[in-house]
Amino acid sequence: MDRGFSEFDLIDRLRRQASAVGPVLTGIGDDASVTAHPGQTATSVDAVVEGVHFRREWSSPAEIAAKAVAVALSDIAAMAADRGEVYVTLGLPADTERDFAEALADGFLEASRRFSTPLSGGDTVASPVLFAAITVVGRAPEGERLILRSGACEGDLVAVTGSLGGAAAGLLLLETDVGDGLDLPEREALIARQLSPEPKLEPASSLRGSGVTSLIDVSDGLLADLGHVADSSGVSIEIDADLIPIQPGVSVVASAAARSGLDLALAGGEDYELAMTFPPSLRESITDLFTPAGCPLKVIGRVVRNRPVPAPGSSGGEDPTGRVTVAGRDPSRPSSTGFDHFR
């Protein structure tokens, strides 16, 4: 099928509007981009696929592009890295119209500007399904350590930014419209959490050297993601159900879908908040780091060291609830542990 435009038309559109800035010496237009920088580099690859992460009937091309870049950058925030550059591999089905493709390309350019991450290269391919695979690069000056999942220590506090469950509730609203009883601002805020996530880039980068011992973004669900921290650190984590910050309106939507607001907050995923651990003595100073960004930080639990570090190559166990305990959770309600693409 003749799309009415070529791969090189799309690349040229991006090349003409993107610019090489900062450490990027040459960007779009060569076989590879060239960068020069001191210090450490953190690189992450993330993908969004039509029918899995977005639907065209819900999102404009600009919103699809912005979500793809935002969720990838959340991985950079989860390392406490400064934002670097972004690279996009775009797969377009044969029936993609020129106007849609150009709007999508413009959306990636706008997202890169909005998040101050220069669009520096990528690829375009024919594909049976629309997708975007995003590579993002983060940086840290030499001598400043990035924060990993593996540093949680016995006695550390566990804290999370913002509120949880909103993205999962927004997805339920889009799929089933179960939101009777919600006022319009709550409904719009929940849907926005699903369609337009915001990576916590600014507060995250300030955590280097703060004493935070482990850091992760809440993408697969709080239980699953804290389970990753517990596995990597060789600890167990205890959190309190009464302390979990649940976004307004989540419980209303969850109840209409025969679920609980707590379950959406624990296992819904895609909120892209940050979860972290740190010594109790640093509670005030670390909380203060998030105040300028208007991003509240709430302590929800504690780290307990009673598990061996898993052997290299092992899964560390299949069930996150075996290493993350939720005090006060109603055991009679059905629940899940988080999102897994292969389940």
Protein backbone atom coordinates (compact mmCIF):
# COMPACT_ATOMS: atom_id res chain seq x y z
CA MET A 1 0.00 0.00 0.00
CA ASP A 2 1.34 3.45 -0.97
CA ARG A 3 1.17 5.61 2.16
CA GLY A 4 1.70 8.81 0.18
CA PHE A 5 4.94 9.50 2.01
CA SER A 6 8.28 7.76 2.43
CA GLU A 7 10.38 6.78 5.42
CA PHE A 8 12.85 9.49 4.43
CA ASP A 9 10.13 12.15 4.27
CA LEU A 10 9.39 11.44 7.93
CA ILE A 11 13.06 11.37 8.93
CA ASP A 12 13.70 14.64 7.10
CA ARG A 13 10.75 16.25 8.91
CA LEU A 14 12.31 15.27 12.23
CA ARG A 15 15.84 16.26 11.18
CA ARG A 16 14.78 19.76 10.11
CA GLN A 17 13.05 20.50 13.43
CA ALA A 18 15.32 18.68 15.89
CA SER A 19 18.56 20.29 17.00
CA ALA A 20 21.84 19.02 18.42
CA VAL A 21 22.29 20.60 21.85
CA GLY A 22 24.33 20.01 25.00
CA PRO A 23 26.38 16.82 24.78
CA VAL A 24 24.85 15.91 21.38
CA LEU A 25 27.40 16.84 18.70
CA THR A 26 25.51 15.37 15.74
CA GLY A 27 21.93 14.18 15.91
CA ILE A 28 19.41 13.04 13.30
CA GLY A 29 20.81 12.67 9.80
CA ASP A 30 23.88 10.45 10.20
CA ASP A 31 24.14 6.70 10.69
CA ALA A 32 24.56 7.34 14.40
CA SER A 33 24.42 10.30 16.74
CA VAL A 34 27.61 11.53 18.37
CA THR A 35 27.69 12.67 22.00
CA ALA A 36 30.45 13.82 24.31
CA HIS A 37 30.07 13.92 28.05
CA PRO A 38 31.94 13.18 31.29
CA GLY A 39 30.65 11.10 34.15
CA GLN A 40 28.15 8.24 34.20
CA THR A 41 25.45 7.32 31.70
CA ALA A 42 22.18 5.51 32.41
CA THR A 43 20.36 4.11 29.37
CA SER A 44 16.86 2.64 29.26
CA VAL A 45 14.69 1.24 26.47
CA ASP A 46 10.91 1.21 26.71
CA ALA A 47 8.16 0.50 24.20
CA VAL A 48 4.50 1.37 23.79
CA VAL A 49 2.32 -0.78 21.54
CA GLU A 50 -1.14 -0.05 20.18
CA GLY A 51 -3.75 -2.15 21.94
CA VAL A 52 -1.45 -2.75 24.93
CA HIS A 53 -0.40 0.71 26.11
CA PHE A 54 -2.66 3.02 24.11
CA ARG A 55 -5.58 3.13 21.69
CA ARG A 56 -6.05 5.65 18.93
CA GLU A 57 -9.69 6.21 19.89
CA TRP A 58 -8.50 7.45 23.29
CA SER A 59 -5.39 9.41 22.41
CA SER A 60 -4.27 11.92 19.79
CA PRO A 61 -0.93 11.37 18.02
CA ALA A 62 0.61 14.02 20.28
CA GLU A 63 -0.66 12.24 23.40
CA ILE A 64 0.66 8.88 22.17
CA ALA A 65 4.09 10.38 21.57
CA ALA A 66 4.14 12.22 24.90
CA LYS A 67 3.18 9.08 26.84
CA ALA A 68 5.86 7.03 25.07
CA VAL A 69 8.57 9.54 25.98
CA ALA A 70 7.26 10.12 29.52
CA VAL A 71 7.18 6.48 30.57
CA ALA A 72 10.69 5.95 29.21
CA LEU A 73 11.99 9.00 31.07
CA SER A 74 10.45 7.67 34.27
CA ASP A 75 13.14 4.98 34.20
CA ILE A 76 15.77 7.72 34.15
CA ALA A 77 14.07 9.38 37.13
CA ALA A 78 14.16 6.00 38.89
CA MET A 79 17.97 6.10 38.71
CA ALA A 80 18.15 9.71 40.01
CA ALA A 81 19.83 10.64 36.72
CA ASP A 82 19.77 13.99 34.94
CA ARG A 83 17.88 13.84 31.66
CA GLY A 84 19.94 13.33 28.52
CA GLU A 85 18.78 12.60 24.98
CA VAL A 86 15.97 10.50 23.53
CA TYR A 87 15.91 8.15 20.51
CA VAL A 88 12.72 6.88 18.86
CA THR A 89 12.09 3.75 16.81
CA LEU A 90 8.69 4.11 15.20
CA GLY A 91 6.72 1.25 13.62
CA LEU A 92 3.93 2.27 11.25
CA PRO A 93 1.26 -0.04 9.77
CA ALA A 94 0.61 0.09 6.03
CA ASP A 95 -2.68 1.95 6.45
CA THR A 96 -1.16 4.85 8.40
CA GLU A 97 -2.23 8.15 6.87
CA ARG A 98 0.30 10.88 6.19
CA ASP A 99 -1.42 13.40 8.48
CA PHE A 100 -1.34 10.93 11.39
CA ALA A 101 2.32 10.04 10.83
CA GLU A 102 3.36 13.68 10.64
CA ALA A 103 1.33 14.53 13.75
CA LEU A 104 3.03 11.64 15.56
CA ALA A 105 6.47 12.86 14.48
CA ASP A 106 5.62 16.39 15.61
CA GLY A 107 4.39 14.92 18.90
CA PHE A 108 7.78 13.35 19.57
CA LEU A 109 9.49 16.64 18.83
CA GLU A 110 7.14 18.50 21.16
CA ALA A 111 7.59 15.90 23.91
CA SER A 112 11.37 16.13 23.64
CA ARG A 113 11.18 19.91 24.01
CA ARG A 114 8.70 19.74 26.88
CA PHE A 115 10.90 17.35 28.84
CA SER A 116 14.15 19.08 27.78
CA THR A 117 15.52 15.91 26.21
CA PRO A 118 16.82 16.45 22.66
CA LEU A 119 15.48 14.04 20.06
CA SER A 120 18.76 12.72 18.68
CA GLY A 121 18.01 9.77 16.41
CA GLY A 122 16.13 6.52 15.96
CA ASP A 123 14.57 4.49 13.17
CA THR A 124 11.33 4.11 11.23
CA VAL A 125 10.04 0.73 10.09
CA ALA A 126 6.98 -0.84 8.54
CA SER A 127 5.06 -2.83 11.13
CA PRO A 128 1.81 -4.82 11.41
CA VAL A 129 0.98 -2.76 14.52
CA LEU A 130 1.68 0.82 15.54
CA PHE A 131 4.45 1.02 18.15
CA ALA A 132 7.18 3.27 19.44
CA ALA A 133 10.32 1.98 21.12
CA ILE A 134 12.04 4.74 23.06
CA THR A 135 15.65 4.80 24.17
CA VAL A 136 16.44 7.45 26.77
CA VAL A 137 19.80 8.43 28.19
CA GLY A 138 20.38 9.90 31.63
CA ARG A 139 23.57 11.30 33.07
CA ALA A 140 25.31 11.99 36.35
CA PRO A 141 28.54 13.94 36.91
CA GLU A 142 31.65 11.96 37.67
CA GLY A 143 31.79 11.17 41.36
CA GLU A 144 28.02 11.29 41.90
CA ARG A 145 26.50 7.84 42.23
CA LEU A 146 23.24 6.89 40.59
CA ILE A 147 20.71 5.19 42.88
CA LEU A 148 19.96 1.51 42.27
CA ARG A 149 17.29 -0.91 43.50
CA SER A 150 19.83 -2.90 45.44
CA GLY A 151 20.74 -0.64 48.37
CA ALA A 152 17.76 -0.99 50.74
CA CYS A 153 18.92 -1.76 54.29
CA GLU A 154 17.28 -3.16 57.39
CA GLY A 155 15.58 -0.37 59.31
CA ASP A 156 15.17 1.93 56.31
CA LEU A 157 11.86 3.69 55.86
CA VAL A 158 9.85 3.05 52.69
CA ALA A 159 8.24 6.09 51.06
CA VAL A 160 6.32 6.92 47.90
CA THR A 161 5.63 10.17 46.08
CA GLY A 162 2.24 11.52 45.10
CA SER A 163 -0.79 9.24 45.05
CA LEU A 164 -1.49 5.82 43.57
CA GLY A 165 -4.21 3.97 41.70
CA GLY A 166 -5.14 6.84 39.42
CA ALA A 167 -3.85 5.36 36.17
CA ALA A 168 -5.57 2.02 36.77
CA ALA A 169 -8.82 3.78 37.63
CA GLY A 170 -8.47 5.95 34.53
CA LEU A 171 -8.10 2.83 32.40
CA LEU A 172 -11.28 1.37 33.93
CA LEU A 173 -13.12 4.60 33.10
CA LEU A 174 -11.93 4.49 29.49
CA GLU A 175 -12.81 0.81 29.08
CA THR A 176 -16.11 0.60 30.96
CA ASP A 177 -17.19 4.10 32.09
CA VAL A 178 -17.92 2.89 35.61
CA GLY A 179 -17.48 6.31 37.19
CA ASP A 180 -21.00 7.14 38.36
CA GLY A 181 -20.60 9.32 41.44
CA LEU A 182 -17.39 11.00 40.28
CA ASP A 183 -17.35 14.73 39.75
CA LEU A 184 -15.89 15.96 36.45
CA PRO A 185 -12.48 17.15 37.80
CA GLU A 186 -11.89 13.77 39.49
CA ARG A 187 -12.85 11.90 36.31
CA GLU A 188 -10.57 14.03 34.17
CA ALA A 189 -7.69 13.70 36.62
CA LEU A 190 -7.95 9.90 36.66
CA ILE A 191 -8.07 9.64 32.87
CA ALA A 192 -5.13 12.03 32.61
CA ARG A 193 -3.08 9.75 34.88
CA GLN A 194 -3.61 6.96 32.33
CA LEU A 195 -3.17 8.93 29.12
CA SER A 196 -0.65 11.61 30.14
CA PRO A 197 1.80 10.34 32.79
CA GLU A 198 4.36 12.72 34.27
CA PRO A 199 7.84 11.40 35.07
CA LYS A 200 9.24 12.72 38.35
CA LEU A 201 12.45 14.02 36.79
CA GLU A 202 13.19 17.13 38.83
CA PRO A 203 12.79 15.77 42.36
CA ALA A 204 14.50 12.50 41.41
CA SER A 205 17.76 14.01 40.21
CA SER A 206 18.10 15.90 43.52
CA LEU A 207 18.26 12.57 45.38
CA ARG A 208 21.85 11.79 44.39
CA GLY A 209 23.94 12.12 47.52
CA SER A 210 20.86 12.56 49.72
CA GLY A 211 21.21 9.24 51.52
CA VAL A 212 18.40 7.49 49.66
CA THR A 213 19.45 3.84 49.58
CA SER A 214 17.19 2.50 46.80
CA LEU A 215 14.88 3.97 44.21
CA ILE A 216 12.35 2.68 41.67
CA ASP A 217 9.44 4.06 39.67
CA VAL A 218 5.95 2.65 40.20
CA SER A 219 5.18 1.33 36.72
CA ASP A 220 4.06 -2.29 37.25
CA GLY A 221 2.31 -1.66 40.58
CA LEU A 222 3.60 -0.78 44.04
CA LEU A 223 3.66 -4.40 45.24
CA ALA A 224 5.54 -5.64 42.19
CA ASP A 225 8.00 -2.76 42.13
CA LEU A 226 8.78 -2.92 45.85
CA GLY A 227 9.20 -6.64 45.25
CA HIS A 228 11.96 -5.81 42.75
CA VAL A 229 13.67 -3.67 45.40
CA ALA A 230 13.35 -6.44 47.99
CA ASP A 231 14.79 -9.01 45.58
CA SER A 232 17.72 -6.84 44.55
CA SER A 233 18.51 -5.80 48.13
CA GLY A 234 17.97 -9.18 49.79
CA VAL A 235 15.36 -7.82 52.21
CA SER A 236 11.66 -7.97 52.95
CA ILE A 237 9.48 -4.89 53.07
CA GLU A 238 6.53 -4.21 55.33
CA ILE A 239 4.02 -1.52 54.35
CA ASP A 240 0.82 -0.33 56.04
CA ALA A 241 -2.40 -0.34 54.03
CA ASP A 242 -3.70 2.65 55.98
CA LEU A 243 -0.72 4.74 54.90
CA ILE A 244 -0.96 4.13 51.12
CA PRO A 245 -1.83 7.45 49.40
CA ILE A 246 -4.78 6.71 47.09
CA GLN A 247 -5.79 9.28 44.48
CA PRO A 248 -9.25 10.84 44.97
CA GLY A 249 -11.92 9.00 42.99
CA VAL A 250 -10.01 5.72 42.76
CA SER A 251 -12.12 3.96 45.39
CA VAL A 252 -15.37 5.01 43.67
CA VAL A 253 -14.22 3.58 40.34
CA ALA A 254 -12.80 0.45 41.95
CA SER A 255 -16.01 -0.26 43.87
CA ALA A 256 -18.08 -0.02 40.70
CA ALA A 257 -15.77 -2.61 39.14
CA ALA A 258 -16.05 -4.94 42.19
CA ARG A 259 -12.51 -4.12 43.30
CA SER A 260 -11.01 -2.07 46.11
CA GLY A 261 -9.24 1.25 45.86
CA LEU A 262 -6.36 -0.24 47.81
CA ASP A 263 -5.97 -3.02 45.26
CA LEU A 264 -5.72 -0.50 42.40
CA ALA A 265 -3.19 1.50 44.41
CA LEU A 266 -1.08 -1.57 45.20
CA ALA A 267 -1.26 -3.42 41.90
CA GLY A 268 -2.72 -1.14 39.23
CA GLY A 269 0.54 0.26 37.90
CA GLU A 270 1.32 3.07 35.43
CA ASP A 271 1.24 5.81 38.06
CA TYR A 272 4.96 6.53 37.50
CA GLU A 273 5.46 7.78 41.03
CA LEU A 274 8.74 7.08 42.83
CA ALA A 275 9.21 4.60 45.67
CA MET A 276 12.36 4.76 47.76
CA THR A 277 14.07 3.71 50.96
CA PHE A 278 16.23 5.74 53.33
CA PRO A 279 17.39 5.79 56.97
CA PRO A 280 14.85 7.21 59.47
CA SER A 281 17.29 9.98 60.43
CA LEU A 282 16.98 11.45 56.92
CA ARG A 283 13.18 11.56 56.80
CA GLU A 284 12.87 15.33 57.15
CA SER A 285 15.69 16.28 54.79
CA ILE A 286 14.53 13.96 52.02
CA THR A 287 10.91 15.02 52.39
CA ASP A 288 12.06 18.63 52.01
CA LEU A 289 13.64 17.84 48.64
CA PHE A 290 10.20 17.18 47.18
CA THR A 291 8.49 20.29 48.54
CA PRO A 292 9.70 22.72 45.80
CA ALA A 293 8.36 20.38 43.12
CA GLY A 294 4.93 20.22 44.75
CA CYS A 295 5.33 16.46 44.98
CA PRO A 296 4.44 15.14 48.45
CA LEU A 297 6.44 12.26 49.89
CA LYS A 298 4.75 9.84 52.29
CA VAL A 299 6.34 7.15 54.43
CA ILE A 300 4.36 3.91 54.09
CA GLY A 301 6.50 1.23 55.70
CA ARG A 302 9.87 -0.18 56.70
CA VAL A 303 12.57 -2.52 55.42
CA VAL A 304 13.23 -5.79 57.25
CA ARG A 305 16.35 -7.84 56.42
CA ASN A 306 15.42 -11.50 56.61
CA ARG A 307 15.98 -12.80 53.10
CA PRO A 308 19.18 -13.88 51.32
CA VAL A 309 20.22 -12.04 48.19
CA PRO A 310 19.08 -14.21 45.22
CA ALA A 311 21.74 -16.06 43.29
CA PRO A 312 22.74 -14.49 39.95
CA GLY A 313 20.29 -15.53 37.24
CA SER A 314 17.58 -16.60 39.67
CA SER A 315 14.15 -15.01 39.71
CA GLY A 316 14.19 -14.43 43.45
CA GLY A 317 10.74 -15.95 43.80
CA GLU A 318 7.53 -15.61 41.84
CA ASP A 319 5.18 -13.85 44.25
CA PRO A 320 5.94 -10.27 45.35
CA THR A 321 3.67 -10.71 48.37
CA GLY A 322 6.21 -13.19 49.70
CA ARG A 323 8.68 -10.34 50.17
CA VAL A 324 6.33 -7.35 50.52
CA THR A 325 3.86 -7.61 53.40
CA VAL A 326 0.83 -5.30 53.59
CA ALA A 327 -0.41 -4.82 57.14
CA GLY A 328 -4.13 -4.08 57.37
CA ARG A 329 -5.04 -5.46 53.95
CA ASP A 330 -8.32 -7.35 53.83
CA PRO A 331 -7.29 -10.94 52.94
CA SER A 332 -10.84 -11.81 51.84
CA ARG A 333 -10.75 -9.46 48.84
CA PRO A 334 -9.31 -10.75 45.55
CA SER A 335 -6.11 -9.00 44.60
CA SER A 336 -3.23 -9.08 42.16
CA THR A 337 0.44 -8.29 42.60
CA GLY A 338 1.03 -6.13 39.52
CA PHE A 339 1.33 -6.10 35.75
CA ASP A 340 3.32 -8.69 33.83
CA HIS A 341 3.38 -8.58 30.01
CA PHE A 342 3.74 -12.35 29.80
CA ARG A 343 0.86 -13.28 32.12
